């Protein structure tokens, strides 16, 4: 039985959230929808708000990150600004990270802000 793309994406986001919780991070929101976009995971790492884009597929982890192009990053930054304003968190430090989940083996790769901004 073939699993839908949306089901795979949901599974990848669940795995990513579990991975972050095991690291001691607090998950604030998943699939946060706001005008102009959606943020896959919003987490708290100590005092930092961390915006996480989750990608899944059969490709290797680096190929998956390539789908996060300039336009996607711009939309994510705009959605983050709206989120911070709406939730009154503008004074918090923010960083952006990527988690890829290779399917079907469910292997997780975590890329830090430095990779996201390259």
PDB file of N, CA and C in Angstrom:
ATOM      1  N   UNK A   1       0.838  -1.183   0.000  1.00  0.00           N
ATOM      2  CA  UNK A   1       0.000   0.000   0.000  1.00  0.00           C
ATOM      3  C   UNK A   1       0.882   1.246   0.000  1.00  0.00           C
ATOM      4  N   UNK A   2       0.602   2.146  -0.912  1.00  0.00           N
ATOM      5  CA  UNK A   2       1.384   3.365  -1.040  1.00  0.00           C
ATOM      6  C   UNK A   2       0.914   4.398  -0.018  1.00  0.00           C
ATOM      7  N   UNK A   3       1.876   5.052   0.623  1.00  0.00           N
ATOM      8  CA  UNK A   3       1.564   6.087   1.609  1.00  0.00           C
ATOM      9  C   UNK A   3       1.587   7.436   0.906  1.00  0.00           C
ATOM     10  N   UNK A   4       0.604   8.283   1.193  1.00  0.00           N
ATOM     11  CA  UNK A   4       0.513   9.586   0.538  1.00  0.00           C
ATOM     12  C   UNK A   4       1.671  10.490   0.942  1.00  0.00           C
ATOM     13  N   UNK A   5       1.948  11.463   0.096  1.00  0.00           N
ATOM     14  CA  UNK A   5       3.010  12.429   0.371  1.00  0.00           C
ATOM     15  C   UNK A   5       2.728  13.189   1.660  1.00  0.00           C
ATOM     16  N   UNK A   6       1.468  13.565   1.872  1.00  0.00           N
ATOM     17  CA  UNK A   6       1.137  14.309   3.093  1.00  0.00           C
ATOM     18  C   UNK A   6       1.321  13.442   4.337  1.00  0.00           C
ATOM     19  N   UNK A   7       1.016  12.151   4.237  1.00  0.00           N
ATOM     20  CA  UNK A   7       1.221  11.246   5.378  1.00  0.00           C
ATOM     21  C   UNK A   7       2.707  11.088   5.674  1.00  0.00           C
ATOM     22  N   UNK A   8       3.523  11.014   4.626  1.00  0.00           N
ATOM     23  CA  UNK A   8       4.974  10.930   4.826  1.00  0.00           C
ATOM     24  C   UNK A   8       5.498  12.201   5.483  1.00  0.00           C
ATOM     25  N   UNK A   9       5.004  13.346   5.014  1.00  0.00           N
ATOM     26  CA  UNK A   9       5.424  14.618   5.596  1.00  0.00           C
ATOM     27  C   UNK A   9       5.034  14.729   7.057  1.00  0.00           C
ATOM     28  N   UNK A  10       3.809  14.304   7.375  1.00  0.00           N
ATOM     29  CA  UNK A  10       3.345  14.329   8.767  1.00  0.00           C
ATOM     30  C   UNK A  10       4.209  13.413   9.631  1.00  0.00           C
ATOM     31  N   UNK A  11       4.527  12.244   9.119  1.00  0.00           N
ATOM     32  CA  UNK A  11       5.377  11.297   9.859  1.00  0.00           C
ATOM     33  C   UNK A  11       6.760  11.900  10.086  1.00  0.00           C
ATOM     34  N   UNK A  12       7.322  12.539   9.073  1.00  0.00           N
ATOM     35  CA  UNK A  12       8.638  13.165   9.209  1.00  0.00           C
ATOM     36  C   UNK A  12       8.609  14.261  10.275  1.00  0.00           C
ATOM     37  N   UNK A  13       7.547  15.053  10.302  1.00  0.00           N
ATOM     38  CA  UNK A  13       7.429  16.112  11.305  1.00  0.00           C
ATOM     39  C   UNK A  13       7.290  15.527  12.709  1.00  0.00           C
ATOM     40  N   UNK A  14       6.555  14.433  12.846  1.00  0.00           N
ATOM     41  CA  UNK A  14       6.438  13.761  14.149  1.00  0.00           C
ATOM     42  C   UNK A  14       7.801  13.261  14.620  1.00  0.00           C
ATOM     43  N   UNK A  15       8.545  12.628  13.721  1.00  0.00           N
ATOM     44  CA  UNK A  15       9.878  12.118  14.070  1.00  0.00           C
ATOM     45  C   UNK A  15      10.818  13.260  14.444  1.00  0.00           C
ATOM     46  N   UNK A  16      10.745  14.355  13.703  1.00  0.00           N
ATOM     47  CA  UNK A  16      11.596  15.512  13.987  1.00  0.00           C
ATOM     48  C   UNK A  16      11.273  16.088  15.365  1.00  0.00           C
ATOM     49  N   UNK A  17       9.993  16.211  15.684  1.00  0.00           N
ATOM     50  CA  UNK A  17       9.591  16.742  16.989  1.00  0.00           C
ATOM     51  C   UNK A  17      10.065  15.821  18.116  1.00  0.00           C
ATOM     52  N   UNK A  18       9.931  14.511  17.935  1.00  0.00           N
ATOM     53  CA  UNK A  18      10.408  13.560  18.948  1.00  0.00           C
ATOM     54  C   UNK A  18      11.916  13.680  19.138  1.00  0.00           C
ATOM     55  N   UNK A  19      12.643  13.807  18.040  1.00  0.00           N
ATOM     56  CA  UNK A  19      14.099  13.965  18.077  1.00  0.00           C
ATOM     57  C   UNK A  19      14.476  15.209  18.893  1.00  0.00           C
ATOM     58  N   UNK A  20      13.789  16.322  18.639  1.00  0.00           N
ATOM     59  CA  UNK A  20      14.097  17.567  19.353  1.00  0.00           C
ATOM     60  C   UNK A  20      13.751  17.458  20.837  1.00  0.00           C
ATOM     61  N   UNK A  21      12.644  16.805  21.144  1.00  0.00           N
ATOM     62  CA  UNK A  21      12.266  16.615  22.547  1.00  0.00           C
ATOM     63  C   UNK A  21      13.299  15.772  23.284  1.00  0.00           C
ATOM     64  N   UNK A  22      13.851  14.767  22.623  1.00  0.00           N
ATOM     65  CA  UNK A  22      14.898  13.945  23.244  1.00  0.00           C
ATOM     66  C   UNK A  22      16.150  14.765  23.527  1.00  0.00           C
ATOM     67  N   UNK A  23      16.363  15.818  22.741  1.00  0.00           N
ATOM     68  CA  UNK A  23      17.498  16.719  22.960  1.00  0.00           C
ATOM     69  C   UNK A  23      17.210  17.721  24.080  1.00  0.00           C
ATOM     70  N   UNK A  24      15.991  17.692  24.615  1.00  0.00           N
ATOM     71  CA  UNK A  24      15.623  18.593  25.697  1.00  0.00           C
ATOM     72  C   UNK A  24      14.941  19.875  25.242  1.00  0.00           C
ATOM     73  N   UNK A  25      14.601  19.956  23.968  1.00  0.00           N
ATOM     74  CA  UNK A  25      13.925  21.137  23.455  1.00  0.00           C
ATOM     75  C   UNK A  25      12.430  21.032  23.734  1.00  0.00           C
ATOM     76  N   UNK A  26      11.792  22.183  23.887  1.00  0.00           N
ATOM     77  CA  UNK A  26      10.343  22.223  24.083  1.00  0.00           C
ATOM     78  C   UNK A  26       9.690  22.578  22.747  1.00  0.00           C
ATOM     79  N   UNK A  27       8.745  21.776  22.319  1.00  0.00           N
ATOM     80  CA  UNK A  27       8.010  22.054  21.084  1.00  0.00           C
ATOM     81  C   UNK A  27       6.881  23.022  21.427  1.00  0.00           C
ATOM     82  N   UNK A  28       6.921  24.208  20.828  1.00  0.00           N
ATOM     83  CA  UNK A  28       5.885  25.207  21.072  1.00  0.00           C
ATOM     84  C   UNK A  28       4.702  25.023  20.123  1.00  0.00           C
ATOM     85  N   UNK A  29       5.009  24.817  18.836  1.00  0.00           N
ATOM     86  CA  UNK A  29       3.967  24.657  17.822  1.00  0.00           C
ATOM     87  C   UNK A  29       4.460  23.721  16.724  1.00  0.00           C
ATOM     88  N   UNK A  30       3.528  23.013  16.122  1.00  0.00           N
ATOM     89  CA  UNK A  30       3.808  22.277  14.888  1.00  0.00           C
ATOM     90  C   UNK A  30       2.786  22.735  13.854  1.00  0.00           C
ATOM     91  N   UNK A  31       3.223  22.774  12.603  1.00  0.00           N
ATOM     92  CA  UNK A  31       2.353  23.212  11.502  1.00  0.00           C
ATOM     93  C   UNK A  31       1.644  24.524  11.821  1.00  0.00           C
ATOM     94  N   UNK A  32       2.421  25.491  12.251  1.00  0.00           N
ATOM     95  CA  UNK A  32       1.883  26.803  12.617  1.00  0.00           C
ATOM     96  C   UNK A  32       1.529  27.561  11.339  1.00  0.00           C
ATOM     97  N   UNK A  33       0.253  27.784  11.132  1.00  0.00           N
ATOM     98  CA  UNK A  33      -0.212  28.480   9.932  1.00  0.00           C
ATOM     99  C   UNK A  33      -0.468  29.943  10.263  1.00  0.00           C
ATOM    100  N   UNK A  34       0.043  30.787   9.389  1.00  0.00           N
ATOM    101  CA  UNK A  34      -0.122  32.226   9.546  1.00  0.00           C
ATOM    102  C   UNK A  34      -0.190  32.820   8.149  1.00  0.00           C
ATOM    103  N   UNK A  35      -0.786  33.993   8.014  1.00  0.00           N
ATOM    104  CA  UNK A  35      -0.920  34.624   6.692  1.00  0.00           C
ATOM    105  C   UNK A  35       0.402  34.572   5.941  1.00  0.00           C
ATOM    106  N   UNK A  36       0.362  34.010   4.764  1.00  0.00           N
ATOM    107  CA  UNK A  36       1.551  33.972   3.925  1.00  0.00           C
ATOM    108  C   UNK A  36       2.445  32.769   4.119  1.00  0.00           C
ATOM    109  N   UNK A  37       2.086  31.854   5.007  1.00  0.00           N
ATOM    110  CA  UNK A  37       2.967  30.705   5.143  1.00  0.00           C
ATOM    111  C   UNK A  37       2.642  29.783   6.298  1.00  0.00           C
ATOM    112  N   UNK A  38       3.497  28.795   6.427  1.00  0.00           N
ATOM    113  CA  UNK A  38       3.390  27.809   7.500  1.00  0.00           C
ATOM    114  C   UNK A  38       4.794  27.501   7.995  1.00  0.00           C
ATOM    115  N   UNK A  39       4.903  27.302   9.299  1.00  0.00           N
ATOM    116  CA  UNK A  39       6.174  26.924   9.910  1.00  0.00           C
ATOM    117  C   UNK A  39       6.003  25.502  10.424  1.00  0.00           C
ATOM    118  N   UNK A  40       6.888  24.596   9.992  1.00  0.00           N
ATOM    119  CA  UNK A  40       6.739  23.184  10.348  1.00  0.00           C
ATOM    120  C   UNK A  40       6.816  22.959  11.851  1.00  0.00           C
ATOM    121  N   UNK A  41       7.906  23.419  12.468  1.00  0.00           N
ATOM    122  CA  UNK A  41       8.073  23.259  13.917  1.00  0.00           C
ATOM    123  C   UNK A  41       8.653  24.546  14.488  1.00  0.00           C
ATOM    124  N   UNK A  42       8.078  24.982  15.597  1.00  0.00           N
ATOM    125  CA  UNK A  42       8.632  26.091  16.368  1.00  0.00           C
ATOM    126  C   UNK A  42       8.974  25.516  17.731  1.00  0.00           C
ATOM    127  N   UNK A  43      10.249  25.607  18.083  1.00  0.00           N
ATOM    128  CA  UNK A  43      10.722  24.990  19.324  1.00  0.00           C
ATOM    129  C   UNK A  43      11.475  26.011  20.160  1.00  0.00           C
ATOM    130  N   UNK A  44      11.673  25.651  21.409  1.00  0.00           N
ATOM    131  CA  UNK A  44      12.439  26.470  22.339  1.00  0.00           C
ATOM    132  C   UNK A  44      13.649  25.664  22.787  1.00  0.00           C
ATOM    133  N   UNK A  45      14.839  26.204  22.507  1.00  0.00           N
ATOM    134  CA  UNK A  45      16.104  25.607  22.937  1.00  0.00           C
ATOM    135  C   UNK A  45      16.731  26.594  23.898  1.00  0.00           C
ATOM    136  N   UNK A  46      16.641  26.294  25.176  1.00  0.00           N
ATOM    137  CA  UNK A  46      17.014  27.226  26.239  1.00  0.00           C
ATOM    138  C   UNK A  46      16.168  28.485  26.063  1.00  0.00           C
ATOM    139  N   UNK A  47      16.778  29.622  25.689  1.00  0.00           N
ATOM    140  CA  UNK A  47      15.995  30.851  25.504  1.00  0.00           C
ATOM    141  C   UNK A  47      15.745  31.174  24.039  1.00  0.00           C
ATOM    142  N   UNK A  48      16.305  30.370  23.143  1.00  0.00           N
ATOM    143  CA  UNK A  48      16.183  30.638  21.706  1.00  0.00           C
ATOM    144  C   UNK A  48      14.913  30.038  21.119  1.00  0.00           C
ATOM    145  N   UNK A  49      14.240  30.829  20.293  1.00  0.00           N
ATOM    146  CA  UNK A  49      13.159  30.317  19.463  1.00  0.00           C
ATOM    147  C   UNK A  49      13.836  29.710  18.235  1.00  0.00           C
ATOM    148  N   UNK A  50      13.517  28.467  17.921  1.00  0.00           N
ATOM    149  CA  UNK A  50      14.125  27.807  16.767  1.00  0.00           C
ATOM    150  C   UNK A  50      13.013  27.455  15.780  1.00  0.00           C
ATOM    151  N   UNK A  51      13.172  27.970  14.564  1.00  0.00           N
ATOM    152  CA  UNK A  51      12.237  27.707  13.477  1.00  0.00           C
ATOM    153  C   UNK A  51      12.826  26.559  12.665  1.00  0.00           C
ATOM    154  N   UNK A  52      12.080  25.467  12.561  1.00  0.00           N
ATOM    155  CA  UNK A  52      12.612  24.276  11.904  1.00  0.00           C
ATOM    156  C   UNK A  52      11.785  23.937  10.669  1.00  0.00           C
ATOM    157  N   UNK A  53      12.472  23.838   9.548  1.00  0.00           N
ATOM    158  CA  UNK A  53      11.870  23.366   8.301  1.00  0.00           C
ATOM    159  C   UNK A  53      12.173  21.876   8.203  1.00  0.00           C
ATOM    160  N   UNK A  54      11.144  21.069   7.994  1.00  0.00           N
ATOM    161  CA  UNK A  54      11.305  19.615   7.910  1.00  0.00           C
ATOM    162  C   UNK A  54      11.085  19.174   6.465  1.00  0.00           C
ATOM    163  N   UNK A  55      12.010  18.384   5.955  1.00  0.00           N
ATOM    164  CA  UNK A  55      11.907  17.835   4.605  1.00  0.00           C
ATOM    165  C   UNK A  55      12.077  16.327   4.675  1.00  0.00           C
ATOM    166  N   UNK A  56      11.331  15.618   3.841  1.00  0.00           N
ATOM    167  CA  UNK A  56      11.468  14.160   3.810  1.00  0.00           C
ATOM    168  C   UNK A  56      11.431  13.674   2.372  1.00  0.00           C
ATOM    169  N   UNK A  57      12.025  12.518   2.158  1.00  0.00           N
ATOM    170  CA  UNK A  57      12.013  11.921   0.830  1.00  0.00           C
ATOM    171  C   UNK A  57      13.041  10.815   0.722  1.00  0.00           C
ATOM    172  N   UNK A  58      13.159  10.271  -0.473  1.00  0.00           N
ATOM    173  CA  UNK A  58      14.110   9.188  -0.717  1.00  0.00           C
ATOM    174  C   UNK A  58      15.510   9.712  -0.988  1.00  0.00           C
ATOM    175  N   UNK A  59      15.621  10.995  -1.324  1.00  0.00           N
ATOM    176  CA  UNK A  59      16.922  11.574  -1.629  1.00  0.00           C
ATOM    177  C   UNK A  59      17.802  11.584  -0.389  1.00  0.00           C
ATOM    178  N   UNK A  60      19.094  11.857  -0.619  1.00  0.00           N
ATOM    179  CA  UNK A  60      19.964  12.001   0.544  1.00  0.00           C
ATOM    180  C   UNK A  60      19.679  13.340   1.216  1.00  0.00           C
ATOM    181  N   UNK A  61      20.195  13.514   2.403  1.00  0.00           N
ATOM    182  CA  UNK A  61      19.872  14.683   3.215  1.00  0.00           C
ATOM    183  C   UNK A  61      20.235  15.996   2.537  1.00  0.00           C
ATOM    184  N   UNK A  62      21.373  16.042   1.836  1.00  0.00           N
ATOM    185  CA  UNK A  62      21.776  17.286   1.187  1.00  0.00           C
ATOM    186  C   UNK A  62      20.853  17.636   0.027  1.00  0.00           C
ATOM    187  N   UNK A  63      20.427  16.636  -0.729  1.00  0.00           N
ATOM    188  CA  UNK A  63      19.492  16.893  -1.825  1.00  0.00           C
ATOM    189  C   UNK A  63      18.172  17.445  -1.299  1.00  0.00           C
ATOM    190  N   UNK A  64      17.723  16.953  -0.169  1.00  0.00           N
ATOM    191  CA  UNK A  64      16.476  17.442   0.414  1.00  0.00           C
ATOM    192  C   UNK A  64      16.586  18.907   0.813  1.00  0.00           C
ATOM    193  N   UNK A  65      17.738  19.317   1.318  1.00  0.00           N
ATOM    194  CA  UNK A  65      17.893  20.718   1.729  1.00  0.00           C
ATOM    195  C   UNK A  65      17.888  21.655   0.529  1.00  0.00           C
ATOM    196  N   UNK A  66      18.264  21.164  -0.636  1.00  0.00           N
ATOM    197  CA  UNK A  66      18.303  22.013  -1.830  1.00  0.00           C
ATOM    198  C   UNK A  66      16.921  22.493  -2.256  1.00  0.00           C
ATOM    199  N   UNK A  67      15.875  21.824  -1.807  1.00  0.00           N
ATOM    200  CA  UNK A  67      14.521  22.265  -2.151  1.00  0.00           C
ATOM    201  C   UNK A  67      14.115  23.518  -1.377  1.00  0.00           C
ATOM    202  N   UNK A  68      14.916  23.898  -0.400  1.00  0.00           N
ATOM    203  CA  UNK A  68      14.627  25.108   0.374  1.00  0.00           C
ATOM    204  C   UNK A  68      15.376  26.258  -0.305  1.00  0.00           C
ATOM    205  N   UNK A  69      14.770  26.768  -1.363  1.00  0.00           N
ATOM    206  CA  UNK A  69      15.404  27.804  -2.167  1.00  0.00           C
ATOM    207  C   UNK A  69      15.216  29.195  -1.551  1.00  0.00           C
ATOM    208  N   UNK A  70      15.721  30.201  -2.239  1.00  0.00           N
ATOM    209  CA  UNK A  70      15.652  31.575  -1.737  1.00  0.00           C
ATOM    210  C   UNK A  70      14.215  31.991  -1.453  1.00  0.00           C
ATOM    211  N   UNK A  71      13.305  31.687  -2.376  1.00  0.00           N
ATOM    212  CA  UNK A  71      11.904  32.084  -2.211  1.00  0.00           C
ATOM    213  C   UNK A  71      11.291  31.429  -0.970  1.00  0.00           C
ATOM    214  N   UNK A  72      11.571  30.151  -0.754  1.00  0.00           N
ATOM    215  CA  UNK A  72      11.057  29.444   0.422  1.00  0.00           C
ATOM    216  C   UNK A  72      11.619  30.059   1.699  1.00  0.00           C
ATOM    217  N   UNK A  73      12.908  30.377   1.688  1.00  0.00           N
ATOM    218  CA  UNK A  73      13.534  30.987   2.865  1.00  0.00           C
ATOM    219  C   UNK A  73      12.924  32.351   3.158  1.00  0.00           C
ATOM    220  N   UNK A  74      12.676  33.126   2.109  1.00  0.00           N
ATOM    221  CA  UNK A  74      12.073  34.449   2.275  1.00  0.00           C
ATOM    222  C   UNK A  74      10.685  34.326   2.906  1.00  0.00           C
ATOM    223  N   UNK A  75       9.863  33.397   2.391  1.00  0.00           N
ATOM    224  CA  UNK A  75       8.526  33.179   2.956  1.00  0.00           C
ATOM    225  C   UNK A  75       8.602  32.726   4.414  1.00  0.00           C
ATOM    226  N   UNK A  76       9.583  31.882   4.714  1.00  0.00           N
ATOM    227  CA  UNK A  76       9.747  31.392   6.078  1.00  0.00           C
ATOM    228  C   UNK A  76      10.138  32.530   7.021  1.00  0.00           C
ATOM    229  N   UNK A  77      11.020  33.406   6.563  1.00  0.00           N
ATOM    230  CA  UNK A  77      11.413  34.564   7.374  1.00  0.00           C
ATOM    231  C   UNK A  77      10.216  35.491   7.609  1.00  0.00           C
ATOM    232  N   UNK A  78       9.407  35.717   6.579  1.00  0.00           N
ATOM    233  CA  UNK A  78       8.225  36.567   6.726  1.00  0.00           C
ATOM    234  C   UNK A  78       7.217  35.946   7.691  1.00  0.00           C
ATOM    235  N   UNK A  79       6.988  34.653   7.563  1.00  0.00           N
ATOM    236  CA  UNK A  79       6.065  33.965   8.471  1.00  0.00           C
ATOM    237  C   UNK A  79       6.583  34.033   9.902  1.00  0.00           C
ATOM    238  N   UNK A  80       7.898  33.931  10.060  1.00  0.00           N
ATOM    239  CA  UNK A  80       8.498  34.003  11.394  1.00  0.00           C
ATOM    240  C   UNK A  80       8.294  35.381  12.005  1.00  0.00           C
ATOM    241  N   UNK A  81       8.480  36.433  11.212  1.00  0.00           N
ATOM    242  CA  UNK A  81       8.253  37.790  11.719  1.00  0.00           C
ATOM    243  C   UNK A  81       6.817  37.954  12.190  1.00  0.00           C
ATOM    244  N   UNK A  82       5.874  37.450  11.413  1.00  0.00           N
ATOM    245  CA  UNK A  82       4.456  37.528  11.801  1.00  0.00           C
ATOM    246  C   UNK A  82       4.190  36.717  13.073  1.00  0.00           C
ATOM    247  N   UNK A  83       4.769  35.527  13.142  1.00  0.00           N
ATOM    248  CA  UNK A  83       4.616  34.687  14.332  1.00  0.00           C
ATOM    249  C   UNK A  83       5.124  35.416  15.574  1.00  0.00           C
ATOM    250  N   UNK A  84       6.341  35.952  15.495  1.00  0.00           N
ATOM    251  CA  UNK A  84       6.940  36.628  16.649  1.00  0.00           C
ATOM    252  C   UNK A  84       6.077  37.796  17.105  1.00  0.00           C
ATOM    253  N   UNK A  85       5.549  38.557  16.161  1.00  0.00           N
ATOM    254  CA  UNK A  85       4.681  39.684  16.495  1.00  0.00           C
ATOM    255  C   UNK A  85       3.383  39.190  17.129  1.00  0.00           C
ATOM    256  N   UNK A  86       2.757  38.218  16.497  1.00  0.00           N
ATOM    257  CA  UNK A  86       1.469  37.703  16.978  1.00  0.00           C
ATOM    258  C   UNK A  86       1.582  37.096  18.376  1.00  0.00           C
ATOM    259  N   UNK A  87       2.667  36.389  18.629  1.00  0.00           N
ATOM    260  CA  UNK A  87       2.847  35.719  19.919  1.00  0.00           C
ATOM    261  C   UNK A  87       3.609  36.580  20.931  1.00  0.00           C
ATOM    262  N   UNK A  88       3.902  37.824  20.543  1.00  0.00           N
ATOM    263  CA  UNK A  88       4.607  38.780  21.416  1.00  0.00           C
ATOM    264  C   UNK A  88       5.955  38.225  21.896  1.00  0.00           C
ATOM    265  N   UNK A  89       6.723  37.732  20.944  1.00  0.00           N
ATOM    266  CA  UNK A  89       8.033  37.149  21.249  1.00  0.00           C
ATOM    267  C   UNK A  89       9.156  37.852  20.484  1.00  0.00           C
ATOM    268  N   UNK A  90       8.933  39.109  20.075  1.00  0.00           N
ATOM    269  CA  UNK A  90       9.920  39.807  19.258  1.00  0.00           C
ATOM    270  C   UNK A  90      11.265  39.977  19.949  1.00  0.00           C
ATOM    271  N   UNK A  91      11.288  39.923  21.267  1.00  0.00           N
ATOM    272  CA  UNK A  91      12.535  40.142  22.012  1.00  0.00           C
ATOM    273  C   UNK A  91      13.376  38.869  22.153  1.00  0.00           C
ATOM    274  N   UNK A  92      12.869  37.737  21.685  1.00  0.00           N
ATOM    275  CA  UNK A  92      13.584  36.469  21.823  1.00  0.00           C
ATOM    276  C   UNK A  92      14.580  36.269  20.691  1.00  0.00           C
ATOM    277  N   UNK A  93      15.749  35.688  20.989  1.00  0.00           N
ATOM    278  CA  UNK A  93      16.669  35.323  19.905  1.00  0.00           C
ATOM    279  C   UNK A  93      16.041  34.215  19.052  1.00  0.00           C
ATOM    280  N   UNK A  94      16.253  34.303  17.741  1.00  0.00           N
ATOM    281  CA  UNK A  94      15.654  33.345  16.804  1.00  0.00           C
ATOM    282  C   UNK A  94      16.745  32.767  15.915  1.00  0.00           C
ATOM    283  N   UNK A  95      16.622  31.485  15.631  1.00  0.00           N
ATOM    284  CA  UNK A  95      17.497  30.873  14.633  1.00  0.00           C
ATOM    285  C   UNK A  95      16.683  29.891  13.794  1.00  0.00           C
ATOM    286  N   UNK A  96      17.226  29.592  12.614  1.00  0.00           N
ATOM    287  CA  UNK A  96      16.558  28.728  11.643  1.00  0.00           C
ATOM    288  C   UNK A  96      17.389  27.476  11.440  1.00  0.00           C
ATOM    289  N   UNK A  97      16.716  26.327  11.414  1.00  0.00           N
ATOM    290  CA  UNK A  97      17.415  25.063  11.211  1.00  0.00           C
ATOM    291  C   UNK A  97      16.579  24.159  10.310  1.00  0.00           C
ATOM    292  N   UNK A  98      17.224  23.124   9.807  1.00  0.00           N
ATOM    293  CA  UNK A  98      16.567  22.172   8.909  1.00  0.00           C
ATOM    294  C   UNK A  98      16.726  20.771   9.488  1.00  0.00           C
ATOM    295  N   UNK A  99      15.656  20.002   9.424  1.00  0.00           N
ATOM    296  CA  UNK A  99      15.740  18.575   9.736  1.00  0.00           C
ATOM    297  C   UNK A  99      15.242  17.833   8.506  1.00  0.00           C
ATOM    298  N   UNK A 100      16.055  16.888   8.035  1.00  0.00           N
ATOM    299  CA  UNK A 100      15.621  16.033   6.931  1.00  0.00           C
ATOM    300  C   UNK A 100      15.423  14.621   7.469  1.00  0.00           C
ATOM    301  N   UNK A 101      14.442  13.948   6.900  1.00  0.00           N
ATOM    302  CA  UNK A 101      14.151  12.565   7.277  1.00  0.00           C
ATOM    303  C   UNK A 101      14.144  11.744   5.993  1.00  0.00           C
ATOM    304  N   UNK A 102      15.098  10.817   5.899  1.00  0.00           N
ATOM    305  CA  UNK A 102      15.127   9.960   4.705  1.00  0.00           C
ATOM    306  C   UNK A 102      14.116   8.837   4.892  1.00  0.00           C
ATOM    307  N   UNK A 103      13.379   8.580   3.851  1.00  0.00           N
ATOM    308  CA  UNK A 103      12.344   7.556   3.886  1.00  0.00           C
ATOM    309  C   UNK A 103      12.752   6.401   2.980  1.00  0.00           C
ATOM    310  N   UNK A 104      12.419   5.180   3.269  1.00  0.00           N
ATOM    311  CA  UNK A 104      11.537   4.743   4.349  1.00  0.00           C
ATOM    312  C   UNK A 104      12.266   4.414   5.652  1.00  0.00           C
ATOM    313  N   UNK A 105      13.598   4.574   5.704  1.00  0.00           N
ATOM    314  CA  UNK A 105      14.328   4.146   6.906  1.00  0.00           C
ATOM    315  C   UNK A 105      14.204   5.113   8.083  1.00  0.00           C
ATOM    316  N   UNK A 106      13.622   6.303   7.858  1.00  0.00           N
ATOM    317  CA  UNK A 106      13.357   7.288   8.911  1.00  0.00           C
ATOM    318  C   UNK A 106      14.631   7.772   9.604  1.00  0.00           C
ATOM    319  N   UNK A 107      15.704   7.921   8.847  1.00  0.00           N
ATOM    320  CA  UNK A 107      16.957   8.441   9.395  1.00  0.00           C
ATOM    321  C   UNK A 107      16.887   9.967   9.419  1.00  0.00           C
ATOM    322  N   UNK A 108      17.244  10.537  10.565  1.00  0.00           N
ATOM    323  CA  UNK A 108      17.132  11.981  10.786  1.00  0.00           C
ATOM    324  C   UNK A 108      18.495  12.647  10.662  1.00  0.00           C
ATOM    325  N   UNK A 109      18.506  13.775   9.940  1.00  0.00           N
ATOM    326  CA  UNK A 109      19.696  14.625   9.831  1.00  0.00           C
ATOM    327  C   UNK A 109      19.291  16.028  10.262  1.00  0.00           C
ATOM    328  N   UNK A 110      20.121  16.640  11.102  1.00  0.00           N
ATOM    329  CA  UNK A 110      19.816  17.960  11.654  1.00  0.00           C
ATOM    330  C   UNK A 110      20.877  18.948  11.184  1.00  0.00           C
ATOM    331  N   UNK A 111      20.434  19.983  10.489  1.00  0.00           N
ATOM    332  CA  UNK A 111      21.337  21.009   9.971  1.00  0.00           C
ATOM    333  C   UNK A 111      21.127  22.299  10.753  1.00  0.00           C
ATOM    334  N   UNK A 112      22.220  22.886  11.185  1.00  0.00           N
ATOM    335  CA  UNK A 112      22.147  24.084  12.016  1.00  0.00           C
ATOM    336  C   UNK A 112      21.914  25.330  11.177  1.00  0.00           C
ATOM    337  N   UNK A 113      21.785  26.438  11.874  1.00  0.00           N
ATOM    338  CA  UNK A 113      21.526  27.726  11.237  1.00  0.00           C
ATOM    339  C   UNK A 113      22.577  28.076  10.191  1.00  0.00           C
ATOM    340  N   UNK A 114      23.822  27.737  10.455  1.00  0.00           N
ATOM    341  CA  UNK A 114      24.878  28.074   9.504  1.00  0.00           C
ATOM    342  C   UNK A 114      24.590  27.445   8.142  1.00  0.00           C
ATOM    343  N   UNK A 115      24.120  26.233   8.138  1.00  0.00           N
ATOM    344  CA  UNK A 115      23.798  25.561   6.880  1.00  0.00           C
ATOM    345  C   UNK A 115      22.594  26.216   6.224  1.00  0.00           C
ATOM    346  N   UNK A 116      21.603  26.561   7.016  1.00  0.00           N
ATOM    347  CA  UNK A 116      20.366  27.146   6.489  1.00  0.00           C
ATOM    348  C   UNK A 116      20.638  28.468   5.791  1.00  0.00           C
ATOM    349  N   UNK A 117      21.580  29.239   6.288  1.00  0.00           N
ATOM    350  CA  UNK A 117      21.834  30.568   5.743  1.00  0.00           C
ATOM    351  C   UNK A 117      22.862  30.591   4.628  1.00  0.00           C
ATOM    352  N   UNK A 118      23.452  29.456   4.288  1.00  0.00           N
ATOM    353  CA  UNK A 118      24.447  29.438   3.200  1.00  0.00           C
ATOM    354  C   UNK A 118      23.820  29.789   1.867  1.00  0.00           C
TER     355      UNK A 118
END
